[in-house]
All heavy atoms as atom14 arrays in JSON, in Angstrom:
{
  "sequence": "DLVRTRFGFHLIKVNDITAPKEQQLEEVQDQLAQEMLRKRKAREMA",
  "atom14_mask": [
    [1, 1, 1, 1, 1, 1, 1, 1, 0, 0, 0, 0, 0, 0],
    [1, 1, 1, 1, 1, 1, 1, 1, 0, 0, 0, 0, 0, 0],
    [1, 1, 1, 1, 1, 1, 1, 0, 0, 0, 0, 0, 0, 0],
    [1, 1, 1, 1, 1, 1, 1, 1, 1, 1, 1, 0, 0, 0],
    [1, 1, 1, 1, 1, 1, 1, 0, 0, 0, 0, 0, 0, 0],
    [1, 1, 1, 1, 1, 1, 1, 1, 1, 1, 1, 0, 0, 0],
    [1, 1, 1, 1, 1, 1, 1, 1, 1, 1, 1, 0, 0, 0],
    [1, 1, 1, 1, 0, 0, 0, 0, 0, 0, 0, 0, 0, 0],
    [1, 1, 1, 1, 1, 1, 1, 1, 1, 1, 1, 0, 0, 0],
    [1, 1, 1, 1, 1, 1, 1, 1, 1, 1, 0, 0, 0, 0],
    [1, 1, 1, 1, 1, 1, 1, 1, 0, 0, 0, 0, 0, 0],
    [1, 1, 1, 1, 1, 1, 1, 1, 0, 0, 0, 0, 0, 0],
    [1, 1, 1, 1, 1, 1, 1, 1, 1, 0, 0, 0, 0, 0],
    [1, 1, 1, 1, 1, 1, 1, 0, 0, 0, 0, 0, 0, 0],
    [1, 1, 1, 1, 1, 1, 1, 1, 0, 0, 0, 0, 0, 0],
    [1, 1, 1, 1, 1, 1, 1, 1, 0, 0, 0, 0, 0, 0],
    [1, 1, 1, 1, 1, 1, 1, 1, 0, 0, 0, 0, 0, 0],
    [1, 1, 1, 1, 1, 1, 1, 0, 0, 0, 0, 0, 0, 0],
    [1, 1, 1, 1, 1, 0, 0, 0, 0, 0, 0, 0, 0, 0],
    [1, 1, 1, 1, 1, 1, 1, 0, 0, 0, 0, 0, 0, 0],
    [1, 1, 1, 1, 1, 1, 1, 1, 1, 0, 0, 0, 0, 0],
    [1, 1, 1, 1, 1, 1, 1, 1, 1, 0, 0, 0, 0, 0],
    [1, 1, 1, 1, 1, 1, 1, 1, 1, 0, 0, 0, 0, 0],
    [1, 1, 1, 1, 1, 1, 1, 1, 1, 0, 0, 0, 0, 0],
    [1, 1, 1, 1, 1, 1, 1, 1, 0, 0, 0, 0, 0, 0],
    [1, 1, 1, 1, 1, 1, 1, 1, 1, 0, 0, 0, 0, 0],
    [1, 1, 1, 1, 1, 1, 1, 1, 1, 0, 0, 0, 0, 0],
    [1, 1, 1, 1, 1, 1, 1, 0, 0, 0, 0, 0, 0, 0],
    [1, 1, 1, 1, 1, 1, 1, 1, 1, 0, 0, 0, 0, 0],
    [1, 1, 1, 1, 1, 1, 1, 1, 0, 0, 0, 0, 0, 0],
    [1, 1, 1, 1, 1, 1, 1, 1, 1, 0, 0, 0, 0, 0],
    [1, 1, 1, 1, 1, 1, 1, 1, 0, 0, 0, 0, 0, 0],
    [1, 1, 1, 1, 1, 0, 0, 0, 0, 0, 0, 0, 0, 0],
    [1, 1, 1, 1, 1, 1, 1, 1, 1, 0, 0, 0, 0, 0],
    [1, 1, 1, 1, 1, 1, 1, 1, 1, 0, 0, 0, 0, 0],
    [1, 1, 1, 1, 1, 1, 1, 1, 0, 0, 0, 0, 0, 0],
    [1, 1, 1, 1, 1, 1, 1, 1, 0, 0, 0, 0, 0, 0],
    [1, 1, 1, 1, 1, 1, 1, 1, 1, 1, 1, 0, 0, 0],
    [1, 1, 1, 1, 1, 1, 1, 1, 1, 0, 0, 0, 0, 0],
    [1, 1, 1, 1, 1, 1, 1, 1, 1, 1, 1, 0, 0, 0],
    [1, 1, 1, 1, 1, 1, 1, 1, 1, 0, 0, 0, 0, 0],
    [1, 1, 1, 1, 1, 0, 0, 0, 0, 0, 0, 0, 0, 0],
    [1, 1, 1, 1, 1, 1, 1, 1, 1, 1, 1, 0, 0, 0],
    [1, 1, 1, 1, 1, 1, 1, 1, 1, 0, 0, 0, 0, 0],
    [1, 1, 1, 1, 1, 1, 1, 1, 0, 0, 0, 0, 0, 0],
    [1, 1, 1, 1, 1, 0, 0, 0, 0, 0, 0, 0, 0, 0]
  ],
  "atom14_positions": [
    [[0.86, -1.17, 0.0], [0.0, 0.0, 0.0], [0.91, 1.23, 0.0], [2.14, 1.11, 0.0], [-0.89, -0.01, 1.24], [-1.94, -1.11, 1.18], [-2.41, -1.41, 0.06], [-2.27, -1.68, 2.24], [0.0, 0.0, 0.0], [0.0, 0.0, 0.0], [0.0, 0.0, 0.0], [0.0, 0.0, 0.0], [0.0, 0.0, 0.0], [0.0, 0.0, 0.0]],
    [[0.33, 2.42, 0.04], [1.15, 3.62, 0.09], [1.89, 3.69, 1.42], [1.32, 3.38, 2.48], [0.28, 4.87, -0.07], [0.07, 5.35, -1.53], [-0.62, 4.31, -2.37], [-0.72, 6.65, -1.53], [0.0, 0.0, 0.0], [0.0, 0.0, 0.0], [0.0, 0.0, 0.0], [0.0, 0.0, 0.0], [0.0, 0.0, 0.0], [0.0, 0.0, 0.0]],
    [[3.16, 4.06, 1.35], [4.01, 4.15, 2.54], [4.52, 5.58, 2.66], [5.09, 6.12, 1.7], [5.2, 3.16, 2.46], [6.1, 3.32, 3.68], [4.71, 1.74, 2.32], [0.0, 0.0, 0.0], [0.0, 0.0, 0.0], [0.0, 0.0, 0.0], [0.0, 0.0, 0.0], [0.0, 0.0, 0.0], [0.0, 0.0, 0.0], [0.0, 0.0, 0.0]],
    [[4.36, 6.2, 3.83], [4.79, 7.58, 4.04], [6.14, 7.59, 4.77], [6.31, 6.95, 5.8], [3.76, 8.34, 4.88], [4.15, 9.82, 5.19], [3.73, 10.7, 4.06], [4.13, 12.1, 4.26], [3.33, 13.05, 4.74], [2.09, 12.76, 5.11], [3.76, 14.29, 4.84], [0.0, 0.0, 0.0], [0.0, 0.0, 0.0], [0.0, 0.0, 0.0]],
    [[7.12, 8.3, 4.23], [8.38, 8.57, 4.92], [8.61, 10.07, 4.89], [7.79, 10.83, 4.36], [9.57, 7.86, 4.24], [9.86, 8.52, 2.99], [9.29, 6.38, 4.0], [0.0, 0.0, 0.0], [0.0, 0.0, 0.0], [0.0, 0.0, 0.0], [0.0, 0.0, 0.0], [0.0, 0.0, 0.0], [0.0, 0.0, 0.0], [0.0, 0.0, 0.0]],
    [[9.74, 10.51, 5.39], [10.02, 11.95, 5.38], [10.22, 12.48, 3.96], [10.2, 13.69, 3.73], [11.26, 12.26, 6.23], [12.56, 11.7, 5.69], [13.73, 12.1, 6.61], [15.02, 11.68, 6.13], [15.55, 10.5, 6.31], [14.87, 9.57, 6.97], [16.74, 10.21, 5.84], [0.0, 0.0, 0.0], [0.0, 0.0, 0.0], [0.0, 0.0, 0.0]],
    [[10.41, 11.57, 2.99], [10.6, 11.99, 1.6], [9.28, 12.18, 0.87], [9.22, 12.91, -0.11], [11.45, 10.96, 0.85], [12.78, 10.7, 1.48], [13.02, 9.52, 2.16], [13.8, 11.64, 1.42], [14.24, 9.28, 2.76], [15.02, 11.42, 2.0], [15.25, 10.23, 2.69], [0.0, 0.0, 0.0], [0.0, 0.0, 0.0], [0.0, 0.0, 0.0]],
    [[8.26, 11.48, 1.31], [6.98, 11.55, 0.63], [6.26, 10.22, 0.69], [6.43, 9.44, 1.65], [0.0, 0.0, 0.0], [0.0, 0.0, 0.0], [0.0, 0.0, 0.0], [0.0, 0.0, 0.0], [0.0, 0.0, 0.0], [0.0, 0.0, 0.0], [0.0, 0.0, 0.0], [0.0, 0.0, 0.0], [0.0, 0.0, 0.0], [0.0, 0.0, 0.0]],
    [[5.48, 9.89, -0.36], [4.75, 8.64, -0.43], [5.44, 7.68, -1.4], [5.89, 8.09, -2.48], [3.31, 8.87, -0.88], [2.46, 9.51, 0.17], [2.18, 10.87, 0.13], [1.93, 8.76, 1.22], [1.4, 11.48, 1.09], [1.15, 9.36, 2.19], [0.88, 10.72, 2.14], [0.0, 0.0, 0.0], [0.0, 0.0, 0.0], [0.0, 0.0, 0.0]],
    [[5.52, 6.41, -1.0], [6.15, 5.38, -1.82], [5.16, 4.26, -2.12], [4.3, 3.92, -1.31], [7.34, 4.73, -1.08], [8.34, 5.7, -0.54], [9.55, 5.92, -1.14], [8.32, 6.48, 0.57], [10.25, 6.8, -0.42], [9.51, 7.15, 0.62], [0.0, 0.0, 0.0], [0.0, 0.0, 0.0], [0.0, 0.0, 0.0], [0.0, 0.0, 0.0]],
    [[5.35, 3.67, -3.3], [4.72, 2.41, -3.66], [5.87, 1.44, -3.88], [6.81, 1.74, -4.63], [3.89, 2.59, -4.93], [2.91, 1.47, -5.3], [1.88, 1.26, -4.2], [2.23, 1.79, -6.63], [0.0, 0.0, 0.0], [0.0, 0.0, 0.0], [0.0, 0.0, 0.0], [0.0, 0.0, 0.0], [0.0, 0.0, 0.0], [0.0, 0.0, 0.0]],
    [[5.81, 0.27, -3.24], [6.95, -0.65, -3.24], [6.52, -1.98, -3.81], [5.44, -2.51, -3.48], [7.48, -0.87, -1.8], [7.78, 0.47, -1.12], [8.73, -1.75, -1.82], [7.99, 0.36, 0.37], [0.0, 0.0, 0.0], [0.0, 0.0, 0.0], [0.0, 0.0, 0.0], [0.0, 0.0, 0.0], [0.0, 0.0, 0.0], [0.0, 0.0, 0.0]],
    [[7.39, -2.56, -4.64], [7.15, -3.91, -5.17], [8.41, -4.74, -4.94], [9.51, -4.33, -5.31], [6.84, -3.86, -6.66], [6.56, -5.24, -7.25], [6.11, -5.12, -8.7], [5.86, -6.53, -9.24], [6.67, -6.91, -10.34], [0.0, 0.0, 0.0], [0.0, 0.0, 0.0], [0.0, 0.0, 0.0], [0.0, 0.0, 0.0], [0.0, 0.0, 0.0]],
    [[8.24, -5.89, -4.3], [9.37, -6.79, -4.02], [9.42, -7.86, -5.11], [8.44, -8.55, -5.38], [9.23, -7.44, -2.63], [10.2, -8.59, -2.48], [9.48, -6.4, -1.56], [0.0, 0.0, 0.0], [0.0, 0.0, 0.0], [0.0, 0.0, 0.0], [0.0, 0.0, 0.0], [0.0, 0.0, 0.0], [0.0, 0.0, 0.0], [0.0, 0.0, 0.0]],
    [[10.59, -7.98, -5.73], [10.76, -8.93, -6.83], [11.55, -10.18, -6.45], [11.46, -11.2, -7.14], [11.47, -8.24, -8.01], [10.64, -7.09, -8.56], [9.44, -7.22, -8.75], [11.28, -5.95, -8.79], [0.0, 0.0, 0.0], [0.0, 0.0, 0.0], [0.0, 0.0, 0.0], [0.0, 0.0, 0.0], [0.0, 0.0, 0.0], [0.0, 0.0, 0.0]],
    [[12.33, -10.1, -5.39], [13.11, -11.26, -4.98], [13.45, -11.13, -3.51], [13.5, -10.02, -2.96], [14.39, -11.37, -5.81], [14.96, -12.78, -5.82], [14.38, -13.66, -5.14], [15.98, -13.01, -6.5], [0.0, 0.0, 0.0], [0.0, 0.0, 0.0], [0.0, 0.0, 0.0], [0.0, 0.0, 0.0], [0.0, 0.0, 0.0], [0.0, 0.0, 0.0]],
    [[13.69, -12.26, -2.87], [14.0, -12.31, -1.45], [15.11, -13.32, -1.22], [15.08, -14.42, -1.78], [12.75, -12.71, -0.61], [11.63, -11.69, -0.79], [13.13, -12.86, 0.87], [10.31, -12.11, -0.12], [0.0, 0.0, 0.0], [0.0, 0.0, 0.0], [0.0, 0.0, 0.0], [0.0, 0.0, 0.0], [0.0, 0.0, 0.0], [0.0, 0.0, 0.0]],
    [[16.1, -12.95, -0.43], [17.11, -13.93, 0.03], [16.88, -14.14, 1.51], [16.81, -13.19, 2.29], [18.55, -13.45, -0.23], [18.77, -12.22, 0.46], [18.79, -13.24, -1.7], [0.0, 0.0, 0.0], [0.0, 0.0, 0.0], [0.0, 0.0, 0.0], [0.0, 0.0, 0.0], [0.0, 0.0, 0.0], [0.0, 0.0, 0.0], [0.0, 0.0, 0.0]],
    [[16.78, -15.39, 1.91], [16.51, -15.74, 3.3], [17.74, -15.44, 4.17], [18.87, -15.45, 3.68], [16.13, -17.21, 3.41], [0.0, 0.0, 0.0], [0.0, 0.0, 0.0], [0.0, 0.0, 0.0], [0.0, 0.0, 0.0], [0.0, 0.0, 0.0], [0.0, 0.0, 0.0], [0.0, 0.0, 0.0], [0.0, 0.0, 0.0], [0.0, 0.0, 0.0]],
    [[17.53, -15.19, 5.45], [18.68, -14.97, 6.34], [19.54, -16.23, 6.43], [19.04, -17.35, 6.34], [18.02, -14.64, 7.69], [16.62, -15.17, 7.59], [16.25, -15.09, 6.16], [0.0, 0.0, 0.0], [0.0, 0.0, 0.0], [0.0, 0.0, 0.0], [0.0, 0.0, 0.0], [0.0, 0.0, 0.0], [0.0, 0.0, 0.0], [0.0, 0.0, 0.0]],
    [[20.84, -16.02, 6.59], [21.76, -17.14, 6.63], [22.85, -16.86, 7.67], [23.32, -15.74, 7.79], [22.4, -17.34, 5.26], [23.4, -18.49, 5.18], [24.02, -18.59, 3.79], [25.08, -19.69, 3.75], [25.73, -19.79, 2.43], [0.0, 0.0, 0.0], [0.0, 0.0, 0.0], [0.0, 0.0, 0.0], [0.0, 0.0, 0.0], [0.0, 0.0, 0.0]],
    [[23.23, -17.89, 8.39], [24.31, -17.75, 9.37], [25.31, -18.89, 9.17], [24.95, -20.06, 9.18], [23.76, -17.8, 10.8], [24.84, -17.66, 11.84], [24.29, -17.59, 13.26], [23.06, -17.55, 13.41], [25.09, -17.59, 14.21], [0.0, 0.0, 0.0], [0.0, 0.0, 0.0], [0.0, 0.0, 0.0], [0.0, 0.0, 0.0], [0.0, 0.0, 0.0]],
    [[26.57, -18.53, 8.96], [27.62, -19.52, 8.82], [28.1, -19.95, 10.2], [28.37, -19.11, 11.06], [28.79, -18.95, 8.01], [28.47, -18.69, 6.55], [29.65, -18.06, 5.83], [29.93, -16.88, 6.03], [30.31, -18.82, 4.99], [0.0, 0.0, 0.0], [0.0, 0.0, 0.0], [0.0, 0.0, 0.0], [0.0, 0.0, 0.0], [0.0, 0.0, 0.0]],
    [[28.23, -21.23, 10.42], [28.68, -21.76, 11.69], [30.2, -21.72, 11.78], [30.9, -21.6, 10.76], [28.17, -23.19, 11.88], [26.65, -23.3, 11.86], [25.98, -22.43, 12.91], [26.36, -22.46, 14.08], [25.0, -21.64, 12.49], [0.0, 0.0, 0.0], [0.0, 0.0, 0.0], [0.0, 0.0, 0.0], [0.0, 0.0, 0.0], [0.0, 0.0, 0.0]],
    [[30.7, -21.84, 13.0], [32.14, -21.77, 13.24], [32.9, -22.79, 12.38], [33.94, -22.47, 11.8], [32.43, -22.02, 14.72], [33.89, -22.15, 15.12], [34.66, -20.87, 14.79], [34.02, -22.49, 16.61], [0.0, 0.0, 0.0], [0.0, 0.0, 0.0], [0.0, 0.0, 0.0], [0.0, 0.0, 0.0], [0.0, 0.0, 0.0], [0.0, 0.0, 0.0]],
    [[32.36, -24.0, 12.28], [33.05, -25.05, 11.52], [33.22, -24.67, 10.05], [34.18, -25.1, 9.4], [32.27, -26.37, 11.62], [32.21, -26.97, 13.02], [31.26, -26.22, 13.95], [30.38, -25.46, 13.43], [31.41, -26.35, 15.17], [0.0, 0.0, 0.0], [0.0, 0.0, 0.0], [0.0, 0.0, 0.0], [0.0, 0.0, 0.0], [0.0, 0.0, 0.0]],
    [[32.3, -23.85, 9.54], [32.36, -23.45, 8.13], [33.42, -22.39, 7.88], [33.92, -22.27, 6.75], [31.0, -22.91, 7.67], [29.85, -23.89, 7.76], [28.54, -23.23, 7.37], [28.32, -23.01, 6.16], [27.73, -22.9, 8.27], [0.0, 0.0, 0.0], [0.0, 0.0, 0.0], [0.0, 0.0, 0.0], [0.0, 0.0, 0.0], [0.0, 0.0, 0.0]],
    [[33.75, -21.6, 8.88], [34.63, -20.44, 8.66], [35.91, -20.49, 9.48], [36.72, -19.56, 9.41], [33.87, -19.14, 8.97], [32.69, -18.96, 8.04], [33.43, -19.07, 10.43], [0.0, 0.0, 0.0], [0.0, 0.0, 0.0], [0.0, 0.0, 0.0], [0.0, 0.0, 0.0], [0.0, 0.0, 0.0], [0.0, 0.0, 0.0], [0.0, 0.0, 0.0]],
    [[36.14, -21.56, 10.25], [37.31, -21.57, 11.13], [38.62, -21.53, 10.36], [39.58, -20.88, 10.79], [37.27, -22.78, 12.06], [37.33, -24.13, 11.39], [37.28, -25.27, 12.41], [37.16, -25.04, 13.61], [37.4, -26.5, 11.92], [0.0, 0.0, 0.0], [0.0, 0.0, 0.0], [0.0, 0.0, 0.0], [0.0, 0.0, 0.0], [0.0, 0.0, 0.0]],
    [[38.68, -22.18, 9.2], [39.91, -22.13, 8.41], [40.17, -20.7, 7.93], [41.31, -20.21, 7.95], [39.82, -23.06, 7.21], [39.96, -24.53, 7.6], [40.05, -24.8, 8.82], [39.96, -25.4, 6.72], [0.0, 0.0, 0.0], [0.0, 0.0, 0.0], [0.0, 0.0, 0.0], [0.0, 0.0, 0.0], [0.0, 0.0, 0.0], [0.0, 0.0, 0.0]],
    [[39.11, -20.03, 7.48], [39.24, -18.65, 7.01], [39.73, -17.74, 8.14], [40.65, -16.92, 7.94], [37.88, -18.15, 6.5], [37.86, -16.68, 6.11], [36.45, -16.19, 5.8], [35.53, -16.98, 5.58], [36.27, -14.88, 5.81], [0.0, 0.0, 0.0], [0.0, 0.0, 0.0], [0.0, 0.0, 0.0], [0.0, 0.0, 0.0], [0.0, 0.0, 0.0]],
    [[39.12, -17.87, 9.32], [39.52, -17.05, 10.46], [40.95, -17.34, 10.89], [41.73, -16.42, 11.19], [38.57, -17.27, 11.64], [37.18, -16.64, 11.51], [36.28, -17.08, 12.65], [37.27, -15.13, 11.48], [0.0, 0.0, 0.0], [0.0, 0.0, 0.0], [0.0, 0.0, 0.0], [0.0, 0.0, 0.0], [0.0, 0.0, 0.0], [0.0, 0.0, 0.0]],
    [[41.31, -18.62, 10.93], [42.66, -18.99, 11.33], [43.69, -18.4, 10.36], [44.74, -17.89, 10.78], [42.8, -20.51, 11.4], [0.0, 0.0, 0.0], [0.0, 0.0, 0.0], [0.0, 0.0, 0.0], [0.0, 0.0, 0.0], [0.0, 0.0, 0.0], [0.0, 0.0, 0.0], [0.0, 0.0, 0.0], [0.0, 0.0, 0.0], [0.0, 0.0, 0.0]],
    [[43.39, -18.46, 9.07], [44.31, -17.91, 8.09], [44.46, -16.4, 8.25], [45.57, -15.86, 8.2], [43.83, -18.23, 6.67], [44.84, -17.79, 5.61], [44.42, -18.18, 4.22], [43.56, -17.51, 3.65], [45.0, -19.25, 3.7], [0.0, 0.0, 0.0], [0.0, 0.0, 0.0], [0.0, 0.0, 0.0], [0.0, 0.0, 0.0], [0.0, 0.0, 0.0]],
    [[43.33, -15.7, 8.48], [43.39, -14.26, 8.68], [44.23, -13.91, 9.91], [45.05, -12.98, 9.89], [41.98, -13.69, 8.85], [41.16, -13.69, 7.57], [39.74, -13.23, 7.79], [39.39, -12.89, 8.96], [38.95, -13.21, 6.84], [0.0, 0.0, 0.0], [0.0, 0.0, 0.0], [0.0, 0.0, 0.0], [0.0, 0.0, 0.0], [0.0, 0.0, 0.0]],
    [[44.03, -14.66, 10.99], [44.77, -14.38, 12.22], [46.26, -14.63, 12.04], [47.1, -13.84, 12.51], [44.22, -15.23, 13.37], [42.79, -14.88, 13.74], [42.08, -15.95, 15.0], [42.98, -15.37, 16.43], [0.0, 0.0, 0.0], [0.0, 0.0, 0.0], [0.0, 0.0, 0.0], [0.0, 0.0, 0.0], [0.0, 0.0, 0.0], [0.0, 0.0, 0.0]],
    [[46.6, -15.7, 11.37], [48.02, -16.0, 11.13], [48.65, -14.94, 10.23], [49.79, -14.52, 10.45], [48.17, -17.39, 10.51], [47.89, -18.57, 11.45], [47.87, -19.88, 10.67], [48.94, -18.63, 12.56], [0.0, 0.0, 0.0], [0.0, 0.0, 0.0], [0.0, 0.0, 0.0], [0.0, 0.0, 0.0], [0.0, 0.0, 0.0], [0.0, 0.0, 0.0]],
    [[47.91, -14.51, 9.22], [48.44, -13.48, 8.33], [48.63, -12.15, 9.06], [49.6, -11.43, 8.81], [47.52, -13.3, 7.13], [47.54, -14.49, 6.15], [46.68, -14.21, 4.95], [47.21, -13.08, 4.16], [46.55, -12.51, 3.17], [45.32, -12.93, 2.86], [47.1, -11.52, 2.5], [0.0, 0.0, 0.0], [0.0, 0.0, 0.0], [0.0, 0.0, 0.0]],
    [[47.71, -11.83, 9.96], [47.85, -10.6, 10.75], [49.09, -10.68, 11.63], [49.83, -9.7, 11.79], [46.6, -10.36, 11.59], [45.41, -9.86, 10.79], [44.2, -9.64, 11.69], [43.0, -9.16, 10.86], [41.79, -9.0, 11.71], [0.0, 0.0, 0.0], [0.0, 0.0, 0.0], [0.0, 0.0, 0.0], [0.0, 0.0, 0.0], [0.0, 0.0, 0.0]],
    [[49.31, -11.83, 12.23], [50.51, -12.0, 13.07], [51.77, -11.82, 12.23], [52.72, -11.14, 12.64], [50.52, -13.39, 13.71], [49.51, -13.6, 14.81], [49.7, -14.95, 15.47], [48.71, -15.2, 16.51], [48.7, -16.28, 17.27], [49.61, -17.23, 17.09], [47.77, -16.44, 18.19], [0.0, 0.0, 0.0], [0.0, 0.0, 0.0], [0.0, 0.0, 0.0]],
    [[51.76, -12.44, 11.06], [52.93, -12.33, 10.19], [53.11, -10.91, 9.69], [54.25, -10.43, 9.54], [52.8, -13.3, 9.01], [52.95, -14.77, 9.42], [53.02, -15.68, 8.21], [53.29, -17.11, 8.63], [53.52, -18.01, 7.47], [0.0, 0.0, 0.0], [0.0, 0.0, 0.0], [0.0, 0.0, 0.0], [0.0, 0.0, 0.0], [0.0, 0.0, 0.0]],
    [[52.0, -10.21, 9.43], [52.1, -8.82, 8.99], [52.74, -7.96, 10.08], [53.58, -7.1, 9.8], [50.71, -8.29, 8.63], [0.0, 0.0, 0.0], [0.0, 0.0, 0.0], [0.0, 0.0, 0.0], [0.0, 0.0, 0.0], [0.0, 0.0, 0.0], [0.0, 0.0, 0.0], [0.0, 0.0, 0.0], [0.0, 0.0, 0.0], [0.0, 0.0, 0.0]],
    [[52.37, -8.21, 11.33], [52.99, -7.48, 12.43], [54.48, -7.79, 12.53], [55.31, -6.91, 12.76], [52.3, -7.81, 13.76], [50.98, -7.09, 13.95], [50.38, -7.39, 15.33], [51.28, -7.05, 16.43], [51.44, -5.83, 16.91], [50.77, -4.81, 16.41], [52.28, -5.61, 17.91], [0.0, 0.0, 0.0], [0.0, 0.0, 0.0], [0.0, 0.0, 0.0]],
    [[54.81, -9.06, 12.35], [56.23, -9.44, 12.41], [57.02, -8.78, 11.29], [58.14, -8.3, 11.5], [56.35, -10.97, 12.31], [55.83, -11.71, 13.53], [55.7, -13.21, 13.29], [56.02, -13.67, 12.16], [55.25, -13.92, 14.22], [0.0, 0.0, 0.0], [0.0, 0.0, 0.0], [0.0, 0.0, 0.0], [0.0, 0.0, 0.0], [0.0, 0.0, 0.0]],
    [[56.42, -8.72, 10.11], [57.09, -8.08, 8.98], [57.26, -6.59, 9.21], [58.31, -6.01, 8.92], [56.29, -8.34, 7.69], [56.27, -9.8, 7.26], [55.02, -10.12, 5.97], [55.74, -9.24, 4.59], [0.0, 0.0, 0.0], [0.0, 0.0, 0.0], [0.0, 0.0, 0.0], [0.0, 0.0, 0.0], [0.0, 0.0, 0.0], [0.0, 0.0, 0.0]],
    [[56.2, -5.95, 9.76], [56.27, -4.51, 10.02], [57.33, -4.21, 11.07], [58.12, -3.26, 10.94], [54.9, -4.0, 10.48], [0.0, 0.0, 0.0], [0.0, 0.0, 0.0], [0.0, 0.0, 0.0], [0.0, 0.0, 0.0], [0.0, 0.0, 0.0], [0.0, 0.0, 0.0], [0.0, 0.0, 0.0], [0.0, 0.0, 0.0], [0.0, 0.0, 0.0]]
  ]
}
């Protein structure tokens, strides 16, 4: 329906939706470990 904001009135149509998603620790632990190791090495290099 019509939606009022500080800009005026809007008509909105939704064409697609992506559901919420959460990555678990097991899915990203390698990525995090690599980032942490690289940060340590970057400090050592600096």
